[in-house]
Structures are given as C-alpha cells and as structure tokens.
Protein backbone atom coordinates (compact mmCIF):
# COMPACT_ATOMS: atom_id res chain seq x y z
CA MET A 1 0.00 0.00 0.00
CA VAL A 2 1.33 3.44 -0.95
CA THR A 3 1.29 6.14 1.72
CA GLU A 4 2.01 9.81 1.26
CA ASP A 5 3.16 10.71 4.76
CA TRP A 6 6.72 11.38 3.59
CA LEU A 7 5.89 13.03 0.25
CA VAL A 8 6.08 16.78 -0.28
CA GLU A 9 3.81 18.96 -2.42
CA ARG A 10 5.62 22.12 -3.46
CA LYS A 11 3.90 25.48 -3.71
CA ILE A 12 2.45 25.97 -7.18
CA ASP A 13 3.03 29.46 -8.54
CA PHE A 14 3.00 30.13 -12.27
CA SER A 15 3.89 33.80 -11.63
CA ARG A 16 6.86 33.30 -9.31
CA GLU A 17 10.05 35.26 -9.92
CA ARG A 18 12.93 33.60 -11.78
CA GLN A 19 16.68 33.80 -11.40
CA MET A 20 18.76 35.08 -14.30
CA LEU A 21 22.46 34.33 -14.82
CA CYS A 22 24.57 36.32 -17.26
CA GLU A 23 27.14 34.18 -19.08
CA GLU A 24 29.14 37.29 -19.94
CA CYS A 25 29.75 38.64 -16.43
CA GLU A 26 28.25 35.89 -14.20
CA HIS A 27 25.90 38.37 -12.53
CA ARG A 28 22.88 36.62 -10.94
CA TRP A 29 19.63 38.39 -10.08
CA MET A 30 15.88 37.84 -9.62
CA VAL A 31 13.29 39.09 -12.11
CA ASP A 32 9.58 38.76 -12.73
CA LEU A 33 8.04 37.32 -15.89
CA ASP A 34 7.25 40.74 -17.32
CA TRP A 35 10.95 41.63 -17.10
CA ILE A 36 11.83 38.43 -19.00
CA ASP A 37 9.28 39.30 -21.68
CA ARG A 38 10.81 42.76 -22.09
CA TRP A 39 14.29 41.18 -22.15
CA ASN A 40 13.28 38.80 -24.94
CA HIS A 41 12.14 41.81 -26.98
CA GLY A 42 15.32 43.78 -26.39
CA GLY A 43 13.87 46.08 -23.74
CA GLU A 44 16.15 45.14 -20.83
CA THR A 45 19.87 44.64 -20.23
CA CYS A 46 22.01 42.81 -17.68
CA PRO A 47 22.46 45.04 -14.61
CA GLY A 48 26.03 43.79 -14.30
CA CYS A 49 27.50 44.41 -17.75
CA GLY A 50 24.76 45.99 -19.85
CA THR A 51 24.51 43.20 -22.46
CA ASN A 52 21.14 42.53 -24.04
CA CYS A 53 19.50 39.39 -25.40
CA GLU A 54 21.26 39.70 -28.76
CA ARG A 55 24.68 38.75 -27.36
CA GLU A 56 25.70 35.08 -27.71
CA ARG A 57 26.75 34.90 -24.06
CA SER A 58 23.83 36.89 -22.71
CA ALA A 59 21.77 36.14 -19.62
CA ARG A 60 19.39 33.19 -19.38
CA VAL A 61 16.98 31.87 -16.81
CA THR A 62 18.79 29.58 -14.40
CA VAL A 63 17.98 27.30 -11.48
CA ASP A 64 16.64 28.90 -8.31
CA LEU A 65 19.25 28.18 -5.63
CA THR A 66 16.46 27.64 -3.08
CA ASP A 67 14.77 24.91 -5.17
CA ALA A 68 14.20 21.86 -2.96
CA ALA A 69 14.97 19.58 -5.91
CA LEU A 70 18.62 20.66 -5.76
CA THR A 71 19.01 18.51 -2.63
CA ASP A 72 19.75 14.94 -3.73
CA GLU A 73 17.97 13.38 -0.76
CA ALA A 74 14.82 15.45 -1.37
CA VAL A 75 14.24 14.46 -5.02
CA GLY A 76 12.57 11.17 -4.15
CA SER A 77 10.23 12.76 -1.62
CA LEU A 78 8.82 15.44 -3.92
CA HIS A 79 5.70 15.16 -6.03
CA TRP A 80 6.45 15.26 -9.77
CA TYR A 81 4.02 15.69 -12.66
CA HIS A 82 3.48 14.67 -16.26
CA THR A 83 0.72 15.24 -18.84
CA SER A 84 -0.06 12.76 -21.59
CA THR A 85 -2.83 11.58 -23.89
CA GLN A 86 -1.94 8.01 -22.86
CA GLN A 87 -4.45 6.70 -20.35
CA ASP A 88 -1.97 4.17 -18.91
CA TRP A 89 1.24 6.23 -18.82
CA PRO A 90 3.93 5.05 -18.30
CA THR A 91 2.75 2.02 -20.22
CA LYS A 92 4.73 -1.20 -19.93
CA ALA A 93 4.87 -1.82 -23.65
CA TYR A 94 4.20 1.26 -25.74
CA ASP A 95 3.92 -0.10 -29.28
CA THR A 96 5.15 2.76 -31.46
CA VAL A 97 5.41 0.61 -34.59
CA SER A 98 1.72 -0.31 -34.77
CA GLU A 99 0.84 3.37 -35.23
CA LEU A 100 2.88 3.63 -38.45
CA THR A 101 1.12 3.28 -41.77
CA ALA A 102 2.62 1.29 -44.63
CA ALA A 103 3.42 4.55 -46.42
CA VAL A 104 5.29 5.91 -43.40
CA ARG A 105 7.23 2.65 -43.07
CA ARG A 106 8.36 2.98 -46.67
CA LEU A 107 9.40 6.60 -46.15
CA MET A 108 11.44 5.53 -43.12
CA GLY A 109 13.40 3.06 -45.25
CA GLY A 110 11.63 -0.24 -44.70
CA ASP A 111 11.22 -2.75 -41.90
CA GLU A 112 14.87 -2.80 -40.81
CA ARG A 113 15.01 0.96 -40.35
CA VAL A 114 11.63 0.91 -38.60
CA ALA A 115 12.94 -1.73 -36.16
CA GLU A 116 16.00 0.42 -35.42
CA TRP A 117 13.77 3.44 -34.84
CA ALA A 118 11.46 1.46 -32.52
CA ASP A 119 14.44 0.25 -30.47
CA ARG A 120 15.58 3.84 -30.05
CA GLN A 121 12.09 4.86 -28.90
CA ARG A 122 12.19 2.20 -26.19
CA LYS A 123 15.45 3.66 -24.88
CA ARG A 124 14.11 7.18 -24.52
CA ALA A 125 13.99 8.70 -21.07
CA LEU A 126 10.67 9.60 -19.53
CA HIS A 127 10.18 13.19 -18.39
CA VAL A 128 8.52 14.54 -15.25
CA GLY A 129 8.63 18.03 -13.80
CA THR A 130 6.77 20.58 -11.73
CA TYR A 131 3.00 20.94 -11.92
CA GLU A 132 3.58 24.17 -13.84
CA ALA A 133 5.79 22.40 -16.39
CA ALA A 134 3.23 19.63 -16.91
CA ILE A 135 0.42 22.08 -17.64
CA GLN A 136 2.59 24.13 -19.99
CA ASN A 137 3.61 20.92 -21.77
CA MET A 138 -0.06 20.17 -22.39
CA LEU A 139 -0.69 23.66 -23.78
CA ARG A 140 2.33 23.28 -26.06
CA ARG A 141 1.12 19.94 -27.37
CA ILE A 142 -2.36 21.29 -28.06
CA THR A 143 -0.80 24.19 -29.93
CA ASP A 144 2.14 22.57 -31.73
CA GLN A 145 1.37 18.85 -32.04
CA ASP A 146 -2.21 18.79 -33.29
CA ASP A 147 -3.50 17.34 -30.02
CA ARG A 148 -6.52 19.63 -29.91
CA GLY A 149 -9.60 17.61 -29.09
CA ARG A 150 -7.68 14.72 -27.54
CA GLN A 151 -8.23 13.83 -23.89
CA PHE A 152 -5.27 14.71 -21.67
CA PHE A 153 -4.41 13.15 -18.34
CA LEU A 154 -2.40 14.73 -15.54
CA TYR A 155 -0.21 12.31 -13.61
CA ARG A 156 1.22 12.87 -10.15
CA VAL A 157 4.36 10.79 -10.02
CA HIS A 158 5.89 9.22 -6.92
CA LEU A 159 9.46 8.01 -7.24
CA THR A 160 10.93 4.86 -5.75
CA PRO A 161 12.18 5.79 -2.23
CA THR A 162 15.64 4.36 -2.95
CA VAL A 163 16.05 6.24 -6.24
CA VAL A 164 19.65 7.20 -7.07
CA VAL A 165 19.98 10.77 -8.32
CA ARG A 166 22.76 11.94 -10.62
CA THR A 167 25.01 14.48 -8.94
CA ASP A 168 24.30 18.12 -9.81
CA TRP A 169 22.02 19.09 -12.72
CA LEU A 170 22.24 19.39 -16.50
CA ILE A 171 21.27 22.03 -19.03
CA ASP A 172 18.23 20.71 -20.91
CA PRO A 173 19.66 17.71 -22.84
CA SER A 174 16.66 17.24 -25.18
CA ASP A 175 17.22 17.05 -28.91
CA PHE A 176 15.24 19.05 -31.47
CA VAL A 177 12.15 16.85 -30.99
CA GLY A 178 12.44 16.76 -27.20
CA ASP A 179 13.95 13.28 -26.89
CA VAL A 180 16.62 12.24 -24.39
CA MET A 181 18.32 8.86 -24.47
CA LEU A 182 18.28 7.47 -20.94
CA GLU A 183 21.79 6.03 -21.19
CA ASP A 184 23.15 9.44 -22.17
CA VAL A 185 22.08 11.09 -18.92
CA CYS A 186 21.77 8.19 -16.47
CA PRO A 187 24.93 6.06 -16.47
CA SER A 188 24.99 2.67 -14.78
CA GLY A 189 23.81 2.88 -11.17
CA VAL A 190 21.93 6.18 -11.68
CA ASP A 191 18.13 6.30 -11.90
CA VAL A 192 17.32 9.99 -12.30
CA ALA A 193 18.98 13.03 -13.87
CA ARG A 194 17.89 16.58 -13.11
CA TYR A 195 17.93 19.17 -15.86
CA LEU A 196 17.15 22.85 -16.16
CA ASN A 197 13.99 23.23 -18.19
CA TYR A 198 14.15 26.24 -20.51
CA HIS A 199 10.87 25.64 -22.33
CA GLU A 200 8.24 24.61 -19.76
CA ASP A 201 8.23 26.35 -16.39
CA PRO A 202 11.52 28.06 -17.33
CA GLY A 203 14.07 27.86 -14.53
CA GLY A 204 12.41 24.86 -12.94
CA LEU A 205 14.12 21.49 -12.61
CA SER A 206 12.67 18.54 -14.50
CA LEU A 207 13.77 14.92 -14.39
CA ALA A 208 14.84 12.44 -17.06
CA LEU A 209 14.34 8.93 -15.75
CA GLY A 210 13.49 5.35 -16.59
CA ARG A 211 10.24 3.58 -15.84
CA ASP A 212 11.82 1.62 -12.99
CA ALA A 213 12.44 4.85 -11.08
CA ILE A 214 8.67 5.38 -10.68
CA ALA A 215 6.93 3.70 -7.75
CA SER A 216 3.35 4.79 -8.49
CA VAL A 217 1.19 7.39 -10.19
CA GLN A 218 -2.14 9.06 -9.57
CA GLN A 219 -4.19 10.21 -12.53
CA VAL A 220 -6.92 12.70 -13.35
CA ALA A 221 -8.46 13.66 -16.69
CA VAL A 222 -7.90 17.34 -17.46
CA PRO A 223 -9.36 19.83 -17.69
CA LEU A 224 -11.65 18.96 -14.78
CA THR A 225 -15.40 19.12 -15.20
CA GLY A 226 -17.06 22.16 -13.68
CA THR A 227 -15.53 25.57 -13.09
CA ARG A 228 -15.64 28.56 -10.77
CA HIS A 229 -16.30 30.76 -13.80
CA ASN A 230 -19.88 29.80 -14.60
CA ASP A 231 -20.82 33.43 -15.27
CA TRP A 232 -18.16 33.67 -18.00
CA VAL A 233 -19.20 30.28 -19.44
CA GLY A 234 -22.85 31.32 -19.61
CA ARG A 235 -22.10 34.67 -21.18
CA ALA A 236 -19.63 33.16 -23.64
CA ALA A 237 -22.05 30.47 -24.78
CA GLU A 238 -24.86 33.01 -25.17
CA THR A 239 -22.63 35.34 -27.19
CA LEU A 240 -21.45 32.54 -29.47
CA PHE A 241 -24.91 31.12 -30.09
CA ALA A 242 -26.07 34.60 -31.08
CA ALA A 243 -23.15 35.19 -33.45
CA SER A 244 -23.32 34.04 -37.05
CA ASP A 245 -21.23 31.01 -38.00
CA ALA A 246 -21.16 32.05 -41.66
CA VAL A 247 -17.71 32.53 -43.11
CA VAL A 248 -17.22 36.11 -44.25
CA ALA A 249 -17.06 36.39 -48.06
CA THR A 250 -14.37 38.36 -49.85
CA ASN A 251 -14.41 39.95 -53.27
CA GLY A 252 -12.35 39.43 -56.40
CA TYR A 253 -9.12 37.45 -56.31
CA LEU A 254 -9.23 37.14 -52.50
CA ALA A 255 -12.48 35.24 -52.74
CA ARG A 256 -10.59 32.35 -54.37
CA VAL A 257 -7.76 32.15 -51.85
CA VAL A 258 -8.96 33.62 -48.54
CA ARG A 259 -11.70 32.57 -46.16
CA LEU A 260 -12.01 35.07 -43.33
CA PRO A 261 -13.06 33.82 -39.89
CA SER A 262 -16.75 33.85 -39.12
CA PRO A 263 -18.21 36.34 -36.63
CA ARG A 264 -18.57 33.42 -34.23
CA ALA A 265 -14.85 32.59 -34.45
CA ASN A 266 -13.99 36.26 -33.92
CA ALA A 267 -16.30 36.38 -30.90
CA GLY A 268 -14.60 33.29 -29.48
CA ARG A 269 -11.19 34.93 -29.82
CA GLU A 270 -12.38 38.04 -27.98
CA LEU A 271 -14.01 35.98 -25.22
CA ALA A 272 -10.88 33.91 -24.72
CA ARG A 273 -8.82 37.10 -24.54
CA GLU A 274 -10.67 38.06 -21.35
CA LEU A 275 -9.13 35.03 -19.63
CA THR A 276 -5.81 35.11 -21.50
CA GLU A 277 -4.98 38.60 -20.26
CA ARG A 278 -5.33 37.42 -16.65
CA LEU A 279 -2.54 34.86 -17.10
CA PRO A 280 1.24 35.26 -16.66
CA VAL A 281 2.72 36.79 -19.80
CA ASN A 282 4.75 33.68 -20.72
CA LEU A 283 1.58 31.54 -20.97
CA ARG A 284 -0.63 33.85 -22.98
CA ASP A 285 0.31 32.89 -26.52
CA GLN A 286 0.04 29.15 -25.87
CA PHE A 287 -3.22 29.54 -23.97
CA ALA A 288 -4.74 31.75 -26.67
CA SER A 289 -3.86 29.16 -29.30
CA ALA A 290 -5.17 26.25 -27.21
CA ALA A 291 -8.38 28.20 -26.52
CA SER A 292 -9.10 29.21 -30.11
CA PHE A 293 -12.64 28.65 -31.37
CA ASP A 294 -12.77 26.35 -34.39
CA GLU A 295 -15.55 26.50 -36.93
CA GLY A 296 -18.04 23.84 -35.92
CA ASP A 297 -17.25 23.90 -32.18
CA ASP A 298 -20.25 23.67 -29.89
CA PRO A 299 -20.34 27.05 -28.09
CA GLU A 300 -21.22 25.68 -24.65
CA GLN A 301 -18.69 22.84 -24.79
CA TRP A 302 -16.02 25.24 -26.05
CA ALA A 303 -16.69 27.66 -23.20
CA MET A 304 -16.51 24.89 -20.58
CA ARG A 305 -13.25 23.57 -22.04
CA VAL A 306 -11.60 27.01 -22.13
CA ALA A 307 -12.71 27.77 -18.57
CA GLY A 308 -11.36 24.37 -17.52
CA LEU A 309 -7.97 25.08 -19.11
CA PHE A 310 -7.88 28.43 -17.35
CA ASP A 311 -8.69 26.80 -14.01
CA LEU A 312 -5.67 24.47 -14.32
CA ILE A 313 -3.53 27.60 -14.02
CA ASP A 314 -5.76 29.86 -11.93
CA ASP A 315 -7.03 27.25 -9.44
CA PRO A 316 -4.45 24.44 -9.10
CA GLY A 317 -5.62 23.69 -5.57
CA ARG A 318 -8.78 22.06 -6.92
CA VAL A 319 -6.70 19.79 -9.16
CA ILE A 320 -4.43 18.81 -6.28
CA ALA A 321 -7.43 18.08 -4.05
CA THR A 322 -8.89 15.87 -6.79
CA LEU A 323 -5.60 13.98 -7.13
CA ASP A 324 -5.49 13.49 -3.35
CA ARG A 325 -8.66 11.42 -3.69
CA ARG A 326 -7.39 9.27 -6.53
CA PRO A 327 -5.89 5.80 -5.96
CA HIS A 328 -2.26 5.01 -6.59
CA ARG A 329 -1.38 2.76 -9.53
CA THR A 330 1.78 0.84 -8.82
CA ILE A 331 4.26 0.83 -11.70
C-alpha cells in the first residue's frame, strides 16, 4: 500500500520570480516574468554588464538556488508531474510501430530501419517536472502537435524511495524533438537526472528517468469538469450562439484564396482574450492558441473547455485536491 506521509507537495506558482544568470559577467539576479518578456524583446539589459538578449553569451533563466529539488535526498520525496494523452502512462509496452502506416514505413526506409527506430524509442527517457511544467507541456502539445480535441491526463508521479539521483544538474539535454536517451544522462547505477527546463516552467528542474524509477502514479483527466467561472461560461455560450457562423465572403481574387473567420470565431477569440490577459505573460500565446474557437465547435462545450484550461492555471488547488482522492497505480 502506498502512503504519502513522507511526500512533499511544493507550492504551485506560475507567476513566481525567476533567477537570471549572465554568461558574460556571471551576474545573478531575480526578475519577474514581465521583465523576461521585455528582455526577450530587447527592452532590458544585464544590470552587471549591460549586455542585451542579442549577445551570444547573454543572460538566461537559471535554477533557483532555493529549489528543494537541488538537494539529492529530497528528489525522491517530492511530487512530480506529467501530462499525456496516454491513459496508462507510463505504459509497460508502448507499441510505437503499430501506429505507423505502410506509407510511413516505406518513407522511413523499410522494416529494418523501422525496427532500429522502434528500439531507439524504447530507450528514450521519460520526463517529469513541476505541476507548472506539466500544464505548460499540455498547452504546447495542443498548440504545436495537433493534439486539440484529444483527452489529456495529468499524472502525479511518486518516485521509488531508494532512487539514485545523478550528482548536480544538467542544461536541458533534449534534442530538437524533445527526446533524451536514458543512457546518455543516467549512467549505470543512476536512476534519475535533473535538468534545467528552458521551455516549460523556465528555470524549474525537470527529471529524465526510466520507468523503474517510478513507484506509483495518480491520474486525473484534465481539464476537470465544472468551473468557478460559470458566469463567464454562460455569457460566452450566449454570445457565441447569437453570433453568425457564416464565413465572411471576400471579393475578387481574395475570394478564391482567402476565407475570413466567421463572426462566431472572432467572438470566441475576444471571449478567450478576457481570460488570457489574466494569465502570466509567458503563458498567454500558448493559452490563446489552445483556446481558439474552431468553426463547428459547440459554443457551450467550447466555453466549458476554455474555462477548464484556465482553471488548471488559476485554481491548481482544486486539481491537487482531486488527485489526493485518486488511488495510486503501482508501476
């Protein structure tokens, strides 16, 4: 039986300040997310040496020196998170080959090359991180990987108590598609490697690990049903039902190549903006994309889904309370 008496839930704060470290002068300082946004657009400089974001050795977000995950002994006692469309993550035997069509197999070079590719997939590290990183990963997948409309699951991950942690931490070792080979970061005798995540919950530590490092998981389908924002849902659905779903016609040459969004799609964008502007600046673009209204969406279902996505960021306590009631699945 799994107990949680020794496990630690860290404070969830999407808006927390981040530490910056300048590679040019090694100056370290704390900033808020608005400062980072201005920095990325050339509006700020390093207080130590005056360099801006255009320099090759300019400042970047770095690990917070007070992060509990920096303590080797604490890593196994912290809650970690992952989002996936797999209902049984981490599955014992994820069959990547069966998802490939005959045409894709041919493009990959035939059965031998497919077998080599499948073997590499089996050697990939799993990834877990903070709650914030898991939610941002889901938003990224909805936006960039055509996962809109698929059911996501949030997993709370409990590590094996005897897990061996690699000394110190790494800069994000992922390749251009986000893969990490387990043997590259976890040599013999090591179960878990910490790395600085630049892309999801920037500045937070995530883990690359093998399946055997996980003791159990708890799971909840996200977004949750219900919301605290019923007034917004009701008003949004009413506005969308009243708006026309006809695509706006254009004249002349444009009529053959351009289809402008319908008034309903435009209304959906404006309604979503009301919630988007209440989020931390680094989440707004991804949230706006994930919350976009597609032609043919049911207005009420769309409004409930968008409010649910917003709640994952605005009201994480409800998600944590729901996970607290879920059983543990031993891995």
